[in-house]
Protein backbone atom coordinates (compact mmCIF):
# COMPACT_ATOMS: atom_id res chain seq x y z
CA UNK A 1 89.84 92.31 95.68
CA UNK A 2 93.46 93.44 95.45
CA UNK A 3 95.29 96.47 96.70
CA UNK A 4 98.71 97.93 96.07
CA UNK A 5 101.22 99.99 98.04
CA UNK A 6 104.81 101.06 97.53
CA UNK A 7 106.77 100.53 100.74
CA UNK A 8 104.35 101.61 103.12
CA UNK A 9 100.72 103.68 100.65
CA UNK A 10 95.51 105.32 103.96
CA UNK A 11 92.10 107.87 104.18
CA UNK A 12 89.14 105.09 104.13
CA UNK A 13 87.20 103.57 101.28
CA UNK A 14 87.30 106.47 98.89
CA UNK A 15 85.05 109.26 99.32
CA UNK A 16 84.62 111.48 96.39
CA UNK A 17 84.40 115.08 96.03
CA UNK A 18 82.72 118.07 94.66
CA UNK A 19 84.28 120.91 92.78
CA UNK A 20 86.80 122.45 95.15
CA UNK A 21 86.53 125.89 93.73
CA UNK A 22 83.15 126.04 95.50
CA UNK A 23 84.05 124.81 99.00
CA UNK A 24 81.27 122.91 100.72
CA UNK A 25 79.42 122.25 97.43
CA UNK A 26 79.12 118.48 97.05
CA UNK A 27 77.93 118.54 93.45
CA UNK A 28 79.87 116.35 91.00
CA UNK A 29 81.75 118.40 88.37
CA UNK A 30 79.98 118.71 85.03
CA UNK A 31 81.79 117.47 81.87
CA UNK A 32 82.79 121.06 81.13
CA UNK A 33 84.11 121.59 84.66
CA UNK A 34 86.09 118.34 84.47
CA UNK A 35 88.20 119.84 81.66
CA UNK A 36 88.77 123.17 83.39
CA UNK A 37 92.30 124.04 84.46
CA UNK A 38 92.86 123.62 88.18
CA UNK A 39 92.93 126.81 90.23
CA UNK A 40 96.01 127.38 92.37
CA UNK A 41 95.70 126.06 95.91
CA UNK A 42 95.58 128.80 98.56
CA UNK A 43 95.43 126.81 101.79
CA UNK A 44 97.77 125.99 104.66
CA UNK A 45 96.83 122.43 105.63
CA UNK A 46 99.61 119.85 105.30
CA UNK A 47 98.79 116.69 103.27
CA UNK A 48 101.07 113.63 103.43
CA UNK A 49 100.92 110.14 101.89
CA UNK A 50 102.33 108.21 104.83
CA UNK A 51 103.13 104.98 103.03
CA UNK A 52 104.74 106.64 100.02
CA UNK A 53 107.90 108.68 100.60
CA UNK A 54 107.70 112.26 99.39
CA UNK A 55 109.97 112.79 96.36
CA UNK A 56 112.92 115.12 96.74
CA UNK A 57 111.42 117.25 93.97
CA UNK A 58 108.40 117.15 91.69
CA UNK A 59 105.20 115.13 92.09
CA UNK A 60 104.81 111.67 93.56
CA UNK A 61 104.81 108.93 90.89
CA UNK A 62 103.72 105.32 91.48
CA UNK A 63 103.24 102.28 89.24
CA UNK A 64 100.29 99.90 89.50
CA UNK A 65 98.57 97.26 87.37
CA UNK A 66 95.11 97.76 85.91
CA UNK A 67 92.56 96.38 88.39
CA UNK A 68 94.83 96.82 91.41
CA UNK A 69 93.57 98.93 94.28
CA UNK A 70 95.87 101.69 95.42
CA UNK A 71 95.62 101.94 99.19
CA UNK A 72 96.80 105.37 100.33
CA UNK A 73 97.35 106.42 103.93
CA UNK A 74 96.59 110.14 103.84
CA UNK A 75 97.53 112.30 106.80
CA UNK A 76 95.97 115.76 107.09
CA UNK A 77 97.14 118.25 109.69
CA UNK A 78 96.63 121.90 110.56
CA UNK A 79 99.85 123.90 110.43
CA UNK A 80 100.89 126.43 113.06
CA UNK A 81 98.63 129.51 112.77
CA UNK A 82 96.94 127.88 109.76
CA UNK A 83 93.39 126.82 108.95
CA UNK A 84 91.66 123.73 110.27
CA UNK A 85 90.82 121.01 107.72
CA UNK A 86 87.15 120.28 107.05
CA UNK A 87 86.71 117.84 104.15
CA UNK A 88 88.86 115.67 101.87
CA UNK A 89 87.96 115.37 98.19
CA UNK A 90 89.63 113.19 95.55
CA UNK A 91 89.55 113.60 91.76
CA UNK A 92 90.93 111.51 88.89
CA UNK A 93 91.85 112.69 85.40
CA UNK A 94 93.93 111.53 82.44
CA UNK A 95 94.79 115.15 81.58
CA UNK A 96 97.20 116.73 84.02
CA UNK A 97 96.18 119.98 85.75
CA UNK A 98 92.46 119.58 84.96
CA UNK A 99 89.64 118.96 87.42
CA UNK A 100 88.64 115.48 86.25
CA UNK A 101 85.96 113.29 87.83
CA UNK A 102 85.30 112.94 91.51
CA UNK A 103 85.99 109.57 93.14
CA UNK A 104 83.59 108.30 95.77
CA UNK A 105 82.07 110.60 98.38
CA UNK A 106 83.27 113.56 100.40
CA UNK A 107 85.32 112.55 103.45
CA UNK A 108 84.47 114.53 106.56
CA UNK A 109 87.46 115.49 108.71
CA UNK A 110 87.52 116.05 112.45
CA UNK A 111 87.55 119.70 113.52
CA UNK A 112 90.87 119.42 115.36
CA UNK A 113 94.45 120.68 115.34
CA UNK A 114 95.72 117.10 115.67
CA UNK A 115 97.02 115.06 112.73
CA UNK A 116 94.34 112.72 111.36
CA UNK A 117 94.65 109.79 108.98
CA UNK A 118 92.22 108.49 106.39
CA UNK A 119 92.67 105.46 104.11
CA UNK A 120 91.78 106.02 100.47
CA UNK A 121 91.30 103.04 98.14
CA UNK A 122 91.42 103.65 94.39
CA UNK A 123 90.85 100.98 91.73
CA UNK A 124 93.32 101.45 88.86
CA UNK A 125 91.44 101.70 85.54
CA UNK A 126 92.23 99.96 82.27
CA UNK A 127 94.02 102.91 80.65
CA UNK A 128 97.13 103.09 78.51
CA UNK A 129 98.41 106.41 79.78
CA UNK A 130 98.94 107.75 83.30
CA UNK A 131 96.14 108.77 85.65
CA UNK A 132 96.46 111.83 87.89
CA UNK A 133 94.86 111.79 91.34
CA UNK A 134 94.28 115.10 93.11
CA UNK A 135 93.73 115.00 96.88
CA UNK A 136 92.13 118.29 97.94
CA UNK A 137 91.27 119.45 101.46
CA UNK A 138 88.65 122.10 102.17
CA UNK A 139 89.72 124.37 105.01
CA UNK A 140 88.28 127.10 107.14
CA UNK A 141 88.55 130.65 105.71
CA UNK A 142 87.27 129.34 102.33
CA UNK A 143 90.74 128.02 101.44
CA UNK A 144 91.94 124.63 100.15
CA UNK A 145 95.13 122.60 99.78
CA UNK A 146 96.02 120.01 97.14
CA UNK A 147 98.48 117.12 96.64
CA UNK A 148 98.89 115.09 93.43
CA UNK A 149 99.76 111.44 92.74
CA UNK A 150 100.65 110.32 89.20
CA UNK A 151 99.80 106.66 88.52
CA UNK A 152 101.59 104.82 85.70
CA UNK A 153 99.58 101.75 84.67
CA UNK A 154 101.85 98.75 84.12
CA UNK A 155 102.85 95.32 85.43
CA UNK A 156 100.97 92.58 87.27
CA UNK A 157 99.84 91.83 90.82
CA UNK A 158 102.55 91.65 93.44
CA UNK A 159 103.12 91.45 97.19
CA UNK A 160 103.48 94.38 99.58
CA UNK A 161 105.96 94.06 102.46
CA UNK A 162 105.94 95.96 105.75
CA UNK A 163 108.86 94.96 108.01
CA UNK A 164 109.58 95.76 111.64
CA UNK A 165 106.19 97.05 112.82
CA UNK A 166 105.72 97.49 116.58
CA UNK A 167 102.28 97.03 118.15
CA UNK A 168 101.48 97.82 121.76
CA UNK A 169 99.32 95.81 124.14
CA UNK A 170 96.47 97.43 126.09
CA UNK A 171 98.41 99.81 128.33
CA UNK A 172 101.38 100.41 126.02
CA UNK A 173 101.48 103.75 124.20
CA UNK A 174 102.42 102.15 120.86
CA UNK A 175 99.60 101.74 118.30
CA UNK A 176 97.77 98.42 118.57
CA UNK A 177 96.15 98.26 115.10
CA UNK A 178 97.32 97.84 111.48
CA UNK A 179 95.82 98.38 108.06
CA UNK A 180 97.49 95.52 106.16
CA UNK A 181 96.82 97.21 102.81
CA UNK A 182 99.06 100.14 103.70
CA UNK A 183 101.13 99.01 106.68
CA UNK A 184 99.79 102.02 108.55
CA UNK A 185 99.65 101.77 112.36
CA UNK A 186 96.77 103.26 114.36
CA UNK A 187 96.36 104.46 117.90
CA UNK A 188 92.83 104.38 119.29
CA UNK A 189 92.11 108.01 118.39
CA UNK A 190 92.94 107.57 114.69
CA UNK A 191 91.41 104.08 114.62
CA UNK A 192 87.94 105.45 115.32
CA UNK A 193 87.81 107.18 111.92
CA UNK A 194 89.36 104.28 109.98
CA UNK A 195 87.64 101.14 111.23
CA UNK A 196 86.87 99.84 107.72
CA UNK A 197 90.60 99.52 106.96
CA UNK A 198 91.95 98.05 110.21
CA UNK A 199 92.29 94.27 109.88
CA UNK A 200 95.10 93.21 112.26
CA UNK A 201 95.34 94.11 115.96
CA UNK A 202 97.30 92.99 119.02
CA UNK A 203 96.38 92.42 122.68
CA UNK A 204 97.78 90.54 125.66
CA UNK A 205 94.99 88.35 127.01
CA UNK A 206 95.55 86.78 130.44
CA UNK A 207 99.02 85.29 130.04
CA UNK A 208 99.12 85.07 126.24
CA UNK A 209 99.95 87.40 123.32
CA UNK A 210 97.15 87.38 120.76
CA UNK A 211 96.80 88.59 117.16
CA UNK A 212 93.13 89.29 116.44
CA UNK A 213 90.60 91.11 114.29
CA UNK A 214 89.31 94.42 115.63
CA UNK A 215 85.73 93.16 116.20
CA UNK A 216 87.13 90.28 118.28
CA UNK A 217 88.55 92.74 120.81
CA UNK A 218 85.02 93.52 121.99
CA UNK A 219 82.93 90.46 121.10
CA UNK A 220 85.26 87.80 122.54
CA UNK A 221 87.58 89.57 124.97
CA UNK A 222 85.47 92.59 126.04
CA UNK A 223 88.37 95.01 125.71
CA UNK A 224 87.66 98.73 125.94
CA UNK A 225 86.35 100.31 122.72
CA UNK A 226 86.38 103.94 123.89
CA UNK A 227 89.03 106.46 122.84
CA UNK A 228 89.10 109.75 124.73
CA UNK A 229 91.33 112.85 124.77
CA UNK A 230 91.62 112.82 120.98
CA UNK A 231 91.55 116.60 120.60
CA UNK A 232 87.84 116.80 119.79
CA UNK A 233 86.19 116.62 123.24
CA UNK A 234 84.19 113.49 122.42
CA UNK A 235 84.48 109.79 123.15
CA UNK A 236 85.40 107.94 119.96
CA UNK A 237 84.11 104.41 119.34
CA UNK A 238 86.80 101.92 118.22
CA UNK A 239 84.59 98.82 117.93
CA UNK A 240 83.67 97.06 114.69
CA UNK A 241 85.64 96.80 111.48
CA UNK A 242 86.34 93.87 109.12
CA UNK A 243 86.43 90.25 110.27
CA UNK A 244 89.95 89.01 109.51
CA UNK A 245 90.74 85.32 110.17
CA UNK A 246 94.08 83.79 111.18
CA UNK A 247 95.79 80.40 111.17
CA UNK A 248 99.31 79.33 112.19
CA UNK A 249 101.35 78.23 109.18
CA UNK A 250 105.02 77.89 110.12
CA UNK A 251 105.74 76.02 106.88
CA UNK A 252 104.76 79.00 104.72
CA UNK A 253 107.52 80.72 102.72
CA UNK A 254 107.64 84.12 104.41
CA UNK A 255 110.94 85.13 102.77
CA UNK A 256 109.73 84.97 99.16
CA UNK A 257 105.93 84.81 98.89
CA UNK A 258 104.23 85.51 95.56
CA UNK A 259 100.69 86.52 94.71
CA UNK A 260 100.10 82.88 93.65
CA UNK A 261 101.47 81.30 96.85
CA UNK A 262 99.51 83.69 99.03
CA UNK A 263 96.36 83.04 97.01
CA UNK A 264 96.78 79.29 97.65
CA UNK A 265 96.69 79.63 101.47
CA UNK A 266 93.69 77.90 103.08
CA UNK A 267 91.55 79.13 105.97
CA UNK A 268 88.92 76.44 106.65
CA UNK A 269 87.19 77.25 109.96
CA UNK A 270 89.94 79.77 110.79
CA UNK A 271 89.18 81.93 113.89
CA UNK A 272 89.42 85.70 114.29
CA UNK A 273 92.09 85.49 116.99
CA UNK A 274 95.18 83.37 117.51
CA UNK A 275 97.77 82.97 120.28
CA UNK A 276 101.27 83.68 118.97
CA UNK A 277 104.88 83.08 119.96
CA UNK A 278 108.20 84.45 118.73
CA UNK A 279 109.15 83.19 115.22
CA UNK A 280 105.60 82.01 114.43
CA UNK A 281 104.28 82.61 110.92
CA UNK A 282 100.58 83.45 110.88
CA UNK A 283 98.53 83.36 107.68
CA UNK A 284 95.59 85.76 107.49
CA UNK A 285 92.68 86.49 105.15
CA UNK A 286 90.99 89.88 105.14
CA UNK A 287 87.27 90.40 104.73
CA UNK A 288 87.85 91.79 101.23
CA UNK A 289 89.64 88.59 100.15
CA UNK A 290 93.37 89.40 100.37
CA UNK A 291 95.70 86.78 101.85
CA UNK A 292 98.90 87.53 103.72
CA UNK A 293 101.50 86.37 106.23
CA UNK A 294 102.62 87.78 109.58
CA UNK A 295 106.00 86.86 111.09
CA UNK A 296 106.30 87.33 114.85
CA UNK A 297 109.76 88.88 115.22
CA UNK A 298 109.74 89.53 118.96
CA UNK A 299 107.40 89.76 121.96
CA UNK A 300 107.65 91.71 125.21
CA UNK A 301 105.07 90.10 127.48
CA UNK A 302 102.32 91.75 129.53
CA UNK A 303 99.56 94.31 128.96
CA UNK A 304 102.26 97.01 128.88
CA UNK A 305 104.37 95.04 126.40
CA UNK A 306 104.75 95.00 122.63
CA UNK A 307 104.97 92.66 119.66
CA UNK A 308 107.25 93.26 116.68
CA UNK A 309 105.88 91.85 113.42
CA UNK A 310 106.60 91.87 109.69
CA UNK A 311 103.70 91.63 107.24
CA UNK A 312 103.52 90.51 103.59
CA UNK A 313 100.18 90.72 101.77
CA UNK A 314 98.58 90.54 98.32
CA UNK A 315 98.17 93.89 96.64
């Protein structure tokens, strides 16, 4: 399975949506409704694609190859004196400004004023023309907000690069988890809602800095998996997630990897955690079959310390 991002593109394995003109109705649009012109959005919620920079003007446009998976880090946040978000819905269409077909299932949002992130994964179809993706958020007060992404279908598989990422150890305030598909960093509170997408994490175990899968935090090292004070008055569970494996490979070409060279990396009996040192190159394979490389740029030791890494990964 492959994914694609522009420099840093995340709301979870796609959930689809029902017709937004009837908020809370999870029925898939009929063929007639799919061709209807979109109603104007009337909401106040702010929608951002964190790993795609907002254009100075107009709609966001990206290019991807047929069969690639667009990985989008979607941030949803209540604005001052605005409505709270409730659900995220995603639609695809080849005719701009029409409803189109829903993609996946409805994504439930936390009832909070805090910013929340969801990873959305979209497989690019075999089409000649562009595809339009509409990200719509149901809000309180029967309102909704919308943001569009235009996908031009062209090219072949490539490599996504995310330089200069800082991860915090257990008592450091910096996020400790990464979605390699998007380069998005997660604190514990946002991790709880995005476990399926988090495949690289950091911890300082005893006297050693360790890169590890998220499940390994609990099963091998018994680190805390509870996130509290997340703005929703509940304890959020941060255990689980995909089982990424790692192996040291200091001979790998980190400067100029290609889809082919990353695909050729081997992981026989590779573990889900690995001790690292500055300037190490760590190869990793995600549970969904993407290969990548991590370069350890710098380490500040201790459970209050950090690690700076750069990541390159198949799209």
